[in-house]
Each structure stands twice: as C-alpha cells, then as structure tokens.
Amino acid sequence: MSNTMNLTRAQFDEVMVPNYAPAAVIPVRGEGSHVWDQQGREYIDFAGGIAVNCLGHCHPALVNALMTQGQKLWHLSNVMTNEPALALATRLVDGTFADRVYFANSGAEANEAALKLARRYALDKFGADKTEIIAFNQGFHGRTFFTVSVGGQAAYSDGFGPKPQGITHLPYNDVAALEAAVSDKTCAIMLEPLQGEGGILPASAEFLQAVRRLADKHNALVIFDEVQTGVGRTGHLYAYMGTGIVPDILTSAKALGGGFPIAAMLTRSEIAEHLKVGTHGSTYGGNPLACAVGNAVLDVVNTPQVLDGVKRKEQLFREGLAHINAKYNVFAEVRGKGLLLGAVLNEQYQGRSRDFLMAAIDEGLMALVAGANVVRFAPSLVIPDQDITEGLQRFEKAVARVVAG
C-alpha cells in the first residue's frame, strides 16, 4: 500500500462515488471525545459519528473486547450460532420488553427486517388485505429501497423507479390525521420516538398514546425505530422506556456497536415466530466480532452511572447553548432529549445550519446538522464535562463567526 501520508481529500473525488461531500479534514486518530487530523490538529467531537460513538473513540473496554474476540473467532455464518451473539441477545431480552432478537449489520437492515416481519405477521394472521404501513413525514428509516420508501422524505426515495406499495405518510404528532388513517388494512405504524434526521423532533405523549391505542384497536403492530435514540442516547437504555408506551417491534443499531457495525431487531415471541426458517437472513448478522463489542457497550452504558450522567450532561449542553443564544440570538429553541439535541435556527438564520457546521470545524469542533435549520449534537454519552465546556466555547466562536458574516 502507498504511504498513507499521501492520501488527500482530492483523492476522494477521483476514487469514490460522488454521493458524499466530505469535509476537507481527514481524521486519523481519536481518543475519548478528541480527534486529530492528518496535520495533527485537534477537534472536540460533538458529532459522535452521527450518534454512533456512544463511548467516544477507542474506549478501552471496546478495544479490549475487539482484540480479545479477534484472536478467537471472527465469522461462522448463521449455519451455526456463537457465544457472543447468544450473550448479547440474552442481555437485550433481559433488558427490554422483547423475547426475541434478530441481528443485522445496520439500522436500515434492522428496519428492513422489522417491516418484512410486520407484513408477514399480518399476512399469516389476518390475510392478504392487511398490508398498509403508516409512517411519518420527515421520518428516516434507512436507504434500502423499502426503508427509504417508508421514510418520509421524498427527496431520498424519488428517482429510482417504481416504489414499494402500501405505504401511507402522515404528519408527525398529528393525532387527528392518525385517527383518520388507521384502519383494519393497517399492518404497522412505524415511527421514531424522537425524529433524528427530520430535525430532532420529540413525539408528544398524546401522539404516542394514540399510536398505541389505534394500533391495538386495528390489530396493527407498532414499530419503534430506535436506531438513533437507542442504547442510552436519551438517558434510558431505549427511549420507549421514557414514553409510557411499549412497541411491538424495536430496531437498534448505531450506538449498539459503539462504532462497530451491528444492528438488532427486537420483538415478542408470538410475532417473532412468523420469521420461521428461511424467511429472512443475513450473512454477517450476529457475527462474533460485532456481538463481542455490543456486549462491551452494554457493560458500560446500561448502568445507572452512565444513564444518569446523560441526563446531567444534557443540562450542561442546554445551559451552554442558552448562554450562547443570550449573546447572539440565533436559535429559536433547543429540542431533543439526553445527548441527542438540536439547536433550531431562528427566522433570521433559516437554511444556514451547514454554515454553523463549517464554522465549527474551523474552530476545532465536530458537530452535525438535522436538515437545513437545525444544528445537531450527538456526542459520546461519557463525554467529560470539561470537554462539553471547551466544545461549547469553540461553538460560541463559530456562532460569532457566522453572525459576523
């Protein structure tokens, strides 16, 4: 291999498909909530690899789990099971409403499995007419053709030919629209308990109660996409635990592997039995490396110390952002829960979230956007308080830079 010191951002445009437009910075090393680029410049990470690096970079527990498992067994396929997968599935069942777990490699794959299961369950139990999936505008469920069609952002699903049928999109948090739409033809209602890509929008309690009530009335399944909200992000192991309702199917990915690709679909046994042998599968799903890391993630995250810490750190973020806004008046509100927060731009700064993102990079801070009007923060769940303080100081400089034009 050629000397990595010669690898540049310009090479991206020569060798990669142009569906991404990455920043000029190329990170080469990370530790905790800090990242260093090729030039040795340091950044504080408030992006968390898009809510993935739940324990920051190179957390000793995760590094150790990966190295230990890497010397034992990497891959078997699902012709056989393996100990890390059995251990992780057992812990997910013990820690949630679910009785059964299916492993995949990404959030989209877990959602694909959830949707296929919901359709199969309805077909087996209620017949061929019960196929409708209700989902919500601005929802995001992945980029496979089925999941992107269920997602409520036409820009992501248009332009690829005929779409999967039987999908209805409604406004999020609109109880009346939901009551008008759900019928005996509905097989599933799929939603994020807190919309991530759609702008860090929490579901109202009233809306979630209506989802559960109408699903029960019409024998439909409730699917919670917790790809972004799961594994401690909101201060609960899963966000549903703070909502007062329980879904029938839940999907988890991102933080579940702390940066190693893994996903899971969780459900009850009477639903799970409809994915009988041969109905669905994955070559890598449940591989020993991923599951060993997932077990290490749960060791750390599913503790009162970390989950309570998330709620406390949320307040530090909210106070810091309020302090910045008092000076510069750029945000209409701060939305979200735990360490999934969105600073919503006010009228004067509409459509300019990317400007704040780029200014932050210039100040040594990695952040995210959630659409054109929201700056998103999804840092490590164990980010030290001093890194929050220092990161917000850098963000304040970035805000000042944008305001000054």
Protein backbone atom coordinates (compact mmCIF):
# COMPACT_ATOMS: atom_id res chain seq x y z
CA MET A 1 0.00 0.00 0.00
CA SER A 2 1.20 3.53 -0.76
CA ASN A 3 2.28 5.80 2.06
CA THR A 4 -0.87 6.99 3.81
CA MET A 5 0.68 10.45 4.25
CA ASN A 6 -0.01 10.98 0.51
CA LEU A 7 -3.74 10.35 0.84
CA THR A 8 -5.68 13.59 0.38
CA ARG A 9 -9.23 14.87 0.21
CA ALA A 10 -8.71 15.42 -3.54
CA GLN A 11 -8.33 11.65 -3.98
CA PHE A 12 -11.88 11.17 -2.73
CA ASP A 13 -13.17 12.82 -5.89
CA GLU A 14 -11.04 10.51 -8.02
CA VAL A 15 -11.89 7.14 -6.44
CA MET A 16 -15.26 7.48 -4.66
CA VAL A 17 -18.81 7.65 -5.98
CA PRO A 18 -19.87 11.32 -5.52
CA ASN A 19 -22.85 10.69 -3.22
CA TYR A 20 -20.96 12.21 -0.25
CA ALA A 21 -19.28 15.59 0.03
CA PRO A 22 -16.94 15.13 3.00
CA ALA A 23 -15.16 17.98 4.75
CA ALA A 24 -11.57 18.82 3.83
CA VAL A 25 -10.38 17.46 7.19
CA ILE A 26 -9.26 13.80 7.28
CA PRO A 27 -9.22 12.50 10.88
CA VAL A 28 -6.58 9.84 11.54
CA ARG A 29 -6.78 9.21 15.29
CA GLY A 30 -9.29 9.53 18.09
CA GLU A 31 -9.26 9.17 21.86
CA GLY A 32 -12.27 9.81 24.06
CA SER A 33 -14.05 12.91 22.73
CA HIS A 34 -11.00 14.19 20.85
CA VAL A 35 -9.94 13.57 17.25
CA TRP A 36 -6.74 14.53 15.41
CA ASP A 37 -6.43 15.11 11.66
CA GLN A 38 -3.54 14.43 9.24
CA GLN A 39 -1.90 17.70 10.23
CA GLY A 40 -2.13 16.87 13.94
CA ARG A 41 -4.87 19.43 14.55
CA GLU A 42 -7.19 18.51 17.44
CA TYR A 43 -11.01 18.62 17.41
CA ILE A 44 -13.63 18.04 20.08
CA ASP A 45 -16.27 15.58 18.86
CA PHE A 46 -19.90 16.62 19.42
CA ALA A 47 -20.98 14.54 16.38
CA GLY A 48 -20.24 11.04 17.67
CA GLY A 49 -20.11 9.62 14.15
CA ILE A 50 -23.84 10.52 13.92
CA ALA A 51 -24.87 9.16 17.34
CA VAL A 52 -22.72 6.03 16.91
CA ASN A 53 -19.62 6.53 19.07
CA CYS A 54 -21.55 6.30 22.33
CA LEU A 55 -18.34 5.78 24.33
CA GLY A 56 -16.18 8.11 22.28
CA HIS A 57 -13.15 6.94 20.33
CA CYS A 58 -11.03 3.90 21.26
CA HIS A 59 -12.74 3.28 24.59
CA PRO A 60 -10.57 0.71 26.43
CA ALA A 61 -13.50 -1.66 27.07
CA LEU A 62 -14.38 -1.76 23.37
CA VAL A 63 -10.79 -2.01 22.15
CA ASN A 64 -10.21 -4.88 24.57
CA ALA A 65 -13.40 -6.71 23.52
CA LEU A 66 -12.47 -6.42 19.84
CA MET A 67 -8.86 -7.54 20.32
CA THR A 68 -9.82 -10.45 22.57
CA GLN A 69 -12.53 -11.71 20.23
CA GLY A 70 -10.31 -11.04 17.21
CA GLN A 71 -7.94 -13.72 18.45
CA LYS A 72 -10.73 -16.28 18.93
CA LEU A 73 -13.33 -16.30 16.18
CA TRP A 74 -14.36 -13.77 13.52
CA HIS A 75 -17.07 -15.36 11.43
CA LEU A 76 -19.12 -18.54 11.22
CA SER A 77 -22.34 -17.62 9.36
CA ASN A 78 -25.74 -18.45 10.79
CA VAL A 79 -25.36 -22.11 9.88
CA MET A 80 -24.05 -22.14 13.46
CA THR A 81 -24.64 -19.80 16.36
CA ASN A 82 -21.88 -18.31 18.53
CA GLU A 83 -21.38 -17.37 22.16
CA PRO A 84 -21.10 -13.56 21.80
CA ALA A 85 -24.38 -13.48 19.84
CA LEU A 86 -26.17 -15.62 22.42
CA ALA A 87 -24.83 -13.45 25.23
CA LEU A 88 -25.87 -10.19 23.56
CA ALA A 89 -29.33 -11.44 22.61
CA THR A 90 -29.89 -12.65 26.17
CA ARG A 91 -28.95 -9.24 27.56
CA LEU A 92 -31.22 -7.40 25.13
CA VAL A 93 -34.12 -9.67 26.03
CA ASP A 94 -33.40 -9.30 29.77
CA GLY A 95 -33.14 -5.50 29.48
CA THR A 96 -36.22 -4.75 27.34
CA PHE A 97 -39.84 -5.73 26.56
CA ALA A 98 -38.62 -8.19 23.92
CA ASP A 99 -38.46 -12.00 23.94
CA ARG A 100 -36.58 -12.47 20.66
CA VAL A 101 -33.72 -10.80 18.80
CA TYR A 102 -32.61 -10.79 15.15
CA PHE A 103 -29.12 -9.44 14.37
CA ALA A 104 -28.16 -7.45 11.28
CA ASN A 105 -25.37 -5.02 10.33
CA SER A 106 -27.03 -1.61 10.07
CA GLY A 107 -30.11 0.35 11.03
CA ALA A 108 -31.54 0.06 7.54
CA GLU A 109 -31.21 -3.72 7.69
CA ALA A 110 -32.87 -3.92 11.11
CA ASN A 111 -35.71 -1.75 9.78
CA GLU A 112 -35.99 -3.87 6.64
CA ALA A 113 -36.36 -6.94 8.87
CA ALA A 114 -38.96 -5.17 11.03
CA LEU A 115 -41.05 -4.19 8.01
CA LYS A 116 -40.84 -7.65 6.44
CA LEU A 117 -41.81 -9.22 9.76
CA ALA A 118 -44.80 -6.88 10.17
CA ARG A 119 -46.03 -7.70 6.66
CA ARG A 120 -45.51 -11.46 7.17
CA TYR A 121 -47.25 -11.43 10.57
CA ALA A 122 -50.28 -9.60 9.13
CA LEU A 123 -50.45 -11.91 6.10
CA ASP A 124 -50.27 -15.06 8.21
CA LYS A 125 -52.76 -13.90 10.85
CA PHE A 126 -55.20 -11.64 9.02
CA GLY A 127 -54.91 -12.33 5.29
CA ALA A 128 -53.68 -10.66 2.12
CA ASP A 129 -55.52 -7.31 2.50
CA LYS A 130 -53.70 -6.21 5.65
CA THR A 131 -50.57 -4.65 4.14
CA GLU A 132 -50.63 -0.90 4.82
CA ILE A 133 -47.66 0.63 6.59
CA ILE A 134 -48.23 4.03 8.17
CA ALA A 135 -45.17 6.22 8.59
CA PHE A 136 -44.49 9.92 9.07
CA ASN A 137 -43.29 12.92 7.12
CA GLN A 138 -39.63 13.75 7.77
CA GLY A 139 -39.10 10.28 9.25
CA PHE A 140 -35.90 8.47 8.37
CA HIS A 141 -35.53 4.69 8.37
CA GLY A 142 -32.53 3.93 6.15
CA ARG A 143 -31.54 3.84 2.48
CA THR A 144 -32.61 0.43 1.21
CA PHE A 145 -35.47 0.79 -1.27
CA PHE A 146 -38.12 -0.43 1.19
CA THR A 147 -36.87 1.60 4.17
CA VAL A 148 -36.27 4.78 2.16
CA SER A 149 -39.81 4.49 0.76
CA VAL A 150 -41.21 4.17 4.29
CA GLY A 151 -39.09 7.14 5.35
CA GLY A 152 -40.97 10.40 4.92
CA GLN A 153 -38.50 12.38 2.78
CA ALA A 154 -39.35 12.04 -0.91
CA ALA A 155 -36.01 13.58 -1.92
CA TYR A 156 -34.30 10.38 -0.73
CA SER A 157 -36.69 7.91 -2.40
CA ASP A 158 -37.58 9.64 -5.69
CA GLY A 159 -35.69 8.93 -8.89
CA PHE A 160 -35.17 5.17 -8.58
CA GLY A 161 -38.25 3.92 -10.44
CA PRO A 162 -41.41 2.32 -9.03
CA LYS A 163 -41.52 2.26 -5.23
CA PRO A 164 -42.80 -0.46 -2.90
CA GLN A 165 -46.56 -0.01 -2.46
CA GLY A 166 -48.86 0.13 0.54
CA ILE A 167 -47.14 2.97 2.43
CA THR A 168 -49.05 5.99 3.82
CA HIS A 169 -47.27 9.09 5.14
CA LEU A 170 -48.84 11.32 7.77
CA PRO A 171 -47.76 14.46 9.65
CA TYR A 172 -45.78 13.59 12.80
CA ASN A 173 -47.53 14.43 16.09
CA ASP A 174 -50.91 14.86 14.34
CA VAL A 175 -53.42 12.75 16.29
CA ALA A 176 -56.41 13.67 14.09
CA ALA A 177 -54.61 12.61 10.91
CA LEU A 178 -53.65 9.34 12.57
CA GLU A 179 -57.21 8.63 13.72
CA ALA A 180 -58.48 9.27 10.19
CA ALA A 181 -55.87 7.00 8.57
CA VAL A 182 -55.52 3.84 10.68
CA SER A 183 -57.84 1.05 9.58
CA ASP A 184 -58.13 -2.73 9.55
CA LYS A 185 -55.91 -2.67 6.44
CA THR A 186 -53.05 -1.21 8.51
CA CYS A 187 -50.42 -3.79 9.40
CA ALA A 188 -47.89 -1.48 11.11
CA ILE A 189 -47.29 2.05 12.32
CA MET A 190 -43.58 2.87 12.12
CA LEU A 191 -42.01 5.86 13.81
CA GLU A 192 -39.01 7.27 15.62
CA PRO A 193 -39.93 8.25 19.22
CA LEU A 194 -37.77 11.31 18.55
CA GLN A 195 -37.20 12.17 14.89
CA GLY A 196 -33.46 12.42 14.24
CA GLU A 197 -32.69 13.35 10.63
CA GLY A 198 -36.05 15.13 10.46
CA GLY A 199 -34.94 17.85 12.87
CA ILE A 200 -34.63 16.41 16.42
CA LEU A 201 -38.40 16.42 16.95
CA PRO A 202 -39.78 14.60 20.00
CA ALA A 203 -43.11 12.78 19.78
CA SER A 204 -45.77 14.21 22.10
CA ALA A 205 -47.16 11.93 24.82
CA GLU A 206 -50.66 12.34 23.37
CA PHE A 207 -49.47 11.27 19.91
CA LEU A 208 -47.68 8.16 21.21
CA GLN A 209 -50.75 7.16 23.25
CA ALA A 210 -52.84 7.49 20.07
CA VAL A 211 -50.37 5.36 18.09
CA ARG A 212 -50.60 2.57 20.66
CA ARG A 213 -54.39 2.84 21.08
CA LEU A 214 -55.17 2.82 17.35
CA ALA A 215 -52.71 0.00 16.63
CA ASP A 216 -54.35 -2.13 19.31
CA LYS A 217 -57.85 -1.31 18.03
CA HIS A 218 -56.97 -2.36 14.46
CA ASN A 219 -54.57 -5.26 15.17
CA ALA A 220 -51.59 -3.34 13.80
CA LEU A 221 -48.03 -3.52 15.12
CA VAL A 222 -46.14 -0.53 16.48
CA ILE A 223 -42.54 -0.39 15.20
CA PHE A 224 -40.18 1.94 17.05
CA ASP A 225 -37.11 2.89 15.04
CA GLU A 226 -34.60 3.46 17.85
CA VAL A 227 -31.56 3.36 15.59
CA GLN A 228 -30.58 6.86 16.73
CA THR A 229 -32.38 7.11 20.10
CA GLY A 230 -31.38 3.70 21.46
CA VAL A 231 -28.61 2.48 23.78
CA GLY A 232 -28.55 5.28 26.32
CA ARG A 233 -28.85 8.27 23.99
CA THR A 234 -31.90 9.75 25.77
CA GLY A 235 -30.87 8.73 29.29
CA HIS A 236 -32.82 5.45 29.11
CA LEU A 237 -31.44 2.22 27.64
CA TYR A 238 -34.12 2.68 24.96
CA ALA A 239 -36.22 5.82 24.51
CA TYR A 240 -39.52 3.91 24.69
CA MET A 241 -38.81 3.41 28.40
CA GLY A 242 -39.42 7.12 28.94
CA THR A 243 -42.60 7.36 26.83
CA GLY A 244 -45.21 5.36 28.72
CA ILE A 245 -45.86 3.07 25.73
CA VAL A 246 -44.23 -0.16 24.60
CA PRO A 247 -43.74 -1.01 20.91
CA ASP A 248 -44.25 -4.45 19.37
CA ILE A 249 -41.03 -4.29 17.37
CA LEU A 250 -37.96 -2.16 18.10
CA THR A 251 -34.88 -1.61 15.97
CA SER A 252 -31.44 -0.74 17.30
CA ALA A 253 -28.10 -0.01 15.62
CA LYS A 254 -25.66 2.94 15.67
CA ALA A 255 -24.62 3.10 19.36
CA LEU A 256 -25.20 -0.65 19.87
CA GLY A 257 -21.70 -1.28 18.48
CA GLY A 258 -20.10 1.97 19.61
CA GLY A 259 -18.62 2.28 16.10
CA PHE A 260 -18.50 -1.38 15.07
CA PRO A 261 -21.31 -2.22 12.59
CA ILE A 262 -24.14 -4.10 14.27
CA ALA A 263 -27.92 -3.85 14.43
CA ALA A 264 -30.74 -5.70 16.14
CA MET A 265 -34.47 -6.09 15.72
CA LEU A 266 -36.28 -6.88 18.97
CA THR A 267 -39.80 -8.26 19.29
CA ARG A 268 -42.12 -10.54 21.26
CA SER A 269 -42.13 -14.30 20.66
CA GLU A 270 -45.67 -14.51 19.22
CA ILE A 271 -44.65 -12.03 16.50
CA ALA A 272 -41.14 -13.44 16.01
CA GLU A 273 -42.43 -16.93 15.22
CA HIS A 274 -43.58 -15.65 11.79
CA LEU A 275 -39.96 -15.28 10.69
CA LYS A 276 -39.57 -19.02 10.51
CA VAL A 277 -36.56 -20.79 8.97
CA GLY A 278 -35.73 -19.40 5.55
CA THR A 279 -37.95 -16.29 5.63
CA HIS A 280 -35.13 -13.80 6.30
CA GLY A 281 -31.40 -13.81 6.88
CA SER A 282 -28.03 -12.08 6.87
CA THR A 283 -24.53 -13.37 6.14
CA TYR A 284 -22.79 -11.23 8.74
CA GLY A 285 -25.68 -10.60 11.13
CA GLY A 286 -24.74 -11.68 14.65
CA ASN A 287 -21.07 -12.20 13.82
CA PRO A 288 -18.83 -12.81 16.86
CA LEU A 289 -16.74 -9.63 16.49
CA ALA A 290 -19.74 -7.30 16.37
CA CYS A 291 -21.55 -9.08 19.19
CA ALA A 292 -18.48 -9.10 21.43
CA VAL A 293 -18.25 -5.32 21.01
CA GLY A 294 -22.01 -4.94 21.59
CA ASN A 295 -21.69 -6.83 24.87
CA ALA A 296 -18.90 -4.47 25.96
CA VAL A 297 -21.03 -1.44 25.04
CA LEU A 298 -23.89 -2.68 27.24
CA ASP A 299 -21.45 -3.42 30.09
CA VAL A 300 -20.65 0.28 30.23
CA VAL A 301 -23.79 2.05 29.01
CA ASN A 302 -26.53 0.08 30.76
CA THR A 303 -25.56 1.32 34.21
CA PRO A 304 -27.20 3.98 36.41
CA GLN A 305 -23.93 5.91 36.43
CA VAL A 306 -23.86 6.42 32.64
CA LEU A 307 -27.62 6.76 32.07
CA ASP A 308 -28.00 9.32 34.88
CA GLY A 309 -24.88 11.05 33.59
CA VAL A 310 -26.55 11.53 30.19
CA LYS A 311 -29.41 13.47 31.81
CA ARG A 312 -26.96 15.63 33.75
CA LYS A 313 -24.81 16.32 30.69
CA GLU A 314 -27.94 17.31 28.75
CA GLN A 315 -28.40 20.17 31.22
CA LEU A 316 -24.80 21.32 30.70
CA PHE A 317 -25.47 21.48 26.96
CA ARG A 318 -28.76 23.30 27.40
CA GLU A 319 -27.24 25.85 29.78
CA GLY A 320 -24.26 26.41 27.49
CA LEU A 321 -26.44 26.86 24.40
CA ALA A 322 -28.75 29.25 26.28
CA HIS A 323 -25.68 31.29 27.29
CA ILE A 324 -24.54 31.48 23.64
CA ASN A 325 -28.03 32.39 22.46
CA ALA A 326 -28.39 35.16 25.03
CA LYS A 327 -25.39 36.81 23.37
CA TYR A 328 -26.02 36.12 19.69
CA ASN A 329 -29.77 35.37 19.30
CA VAL A 330 -29.52 32.70 16.58
CA PHE A 331 -31.70 29.85 17.96
CA ALA A 332 -35.48 29.68 18.25
CA GLU A 333 -35.28 26.72 20.66
CA VAL A 334 -33.23 23.69 21.69
CA ARG A 335 -35.08 20.39 21.14
CA GLY A 336 -34.39 16.79 21.94
CA LYS A 337 -33.61 14.58 24.89
CA GLY A 338 -30.48 13.39 26.63
CA LEU A 339 -27.48 13.73 24.34
CA LEU A 340 -29.47 13.96 21.12
CA LEU A 341 -30.07 17.70 20.90
CA GLY A 342 -30.98 20.10 18.12
CA ALA A 343 -30.43 23.85 18.18
CA VAL A 344 -33.16 25.17 15.89
CA LEU A 345 -32.20 28.28 13.92
CA ASN A 346 -34.49 31.30 14.20
CA GLU A 347 -36.10 33.23 11.31
CA GLN A 348 -33.01 35.27 10.64
CA TYR A 349 -30.77 32.23 10.02
CA GLN A 350 -33.16 29.94 8.11
CA GLY A 351 -31.47 27.39 5.84
CA ARG A 352 -27.99 28.04 7.23
CA SER A 353 -27.26 25.07 9.53
CA ARG A 354 -24.37 24.00 7.30
CA ASP A 355 -22.72 27.42 7.76
CA PHE A 356 -22.63 26.78 11.53
CA LEU A 357 -21.25 23.27 10.92
CA MET A 358 -18.39 24.54 8.71
CA ALA A 359 -17.57 27.39 11.11
CA ALA A 360 -17.45 24.87 13.96
CA ILE A 361 -14.91 22.74 12.08
CA ASP A 362 -12.76 25.87 11.61
CA GLU A 363 -12.90 26.35 15.40
CA GLY A 364 -11.90 22.74 16.15
CA LEU A 365 -15.37 21.31 16.83
CA MET A 366 -17.20 18.47 15.08
CA ALA A 367 -20.99 18.92 15.04
CA LEU A 368 -23.88 17.78 12.81
CA VAL A 369 -26.95 19.15 11.11
CA ALA A 370 -30.50 17.75 11.02
CA GLY A 371 -31.85 19.45 7.94
CA ALA A 372 -31.13 23.00 6.84
CA ASN A 373 -32.41 24.65 10.03
CA VAL A 374 -31.09 22.54 12.89
CA VAL A 375 -27.58 22.14 14.31
CA ARG A 376 -27.43 18.66 15.89
CA PHE A 377 -25.29 17.40 18.75
CA ALA A 378 -24.84 13.68 19.48
CA PRO A 379 -21.62 13.36 21.48
CA SER A 380 -20.25 10.45 23.47
CA LEU A 381 -22.52 9.50 26.39
CA VAL A 382 -19.46 9.64 28.66
CA ILE A 383 -18.00 12.89 27.31
CA PRO A 384 -16.18 14.59 30.22
CA ASP A 385 -17.81 17.78 31.49
CA GLN A 386 -14.68 19.79 30.68
CA ASP A 387 -14.92 18.67 27.03
CA ILE A 388 -18.53 19.88 26.93
CA THR A 389 -17.46 23.25 28.33
CA GLU A 390 -14.49 23.59 25.97
CA GLY A 391 -16.53 22.38 22.98
CA LEU A 392 -19.26 24.93 23.68
CA GLN A 393 -16.62 27.67 23.90
CA ARG A 394 -15.46 26.66 20.43
CA PHE A 395 -19.05 26.56 19.23
CA GLU A 396 -19.60 30.08 20.58
CA LYS A 397 -16.67 31.28 18.44
CA ALA A 398 -18.23 29.53 15.43
CA VAL A 399 -21.59 31.23 16.10
CA ALA A 400 -19.83 34.59 16.42
CA ARG A 401 -18.12 33.94 13.09
CA VAL A 402 -21.41 33.20 11.31
CA VAL A 403 -23.17 36.20 12.90
CA ALA A 404 -20.29 38.47 11.82
CA GLY A 405 -20.72 37.17 8.28
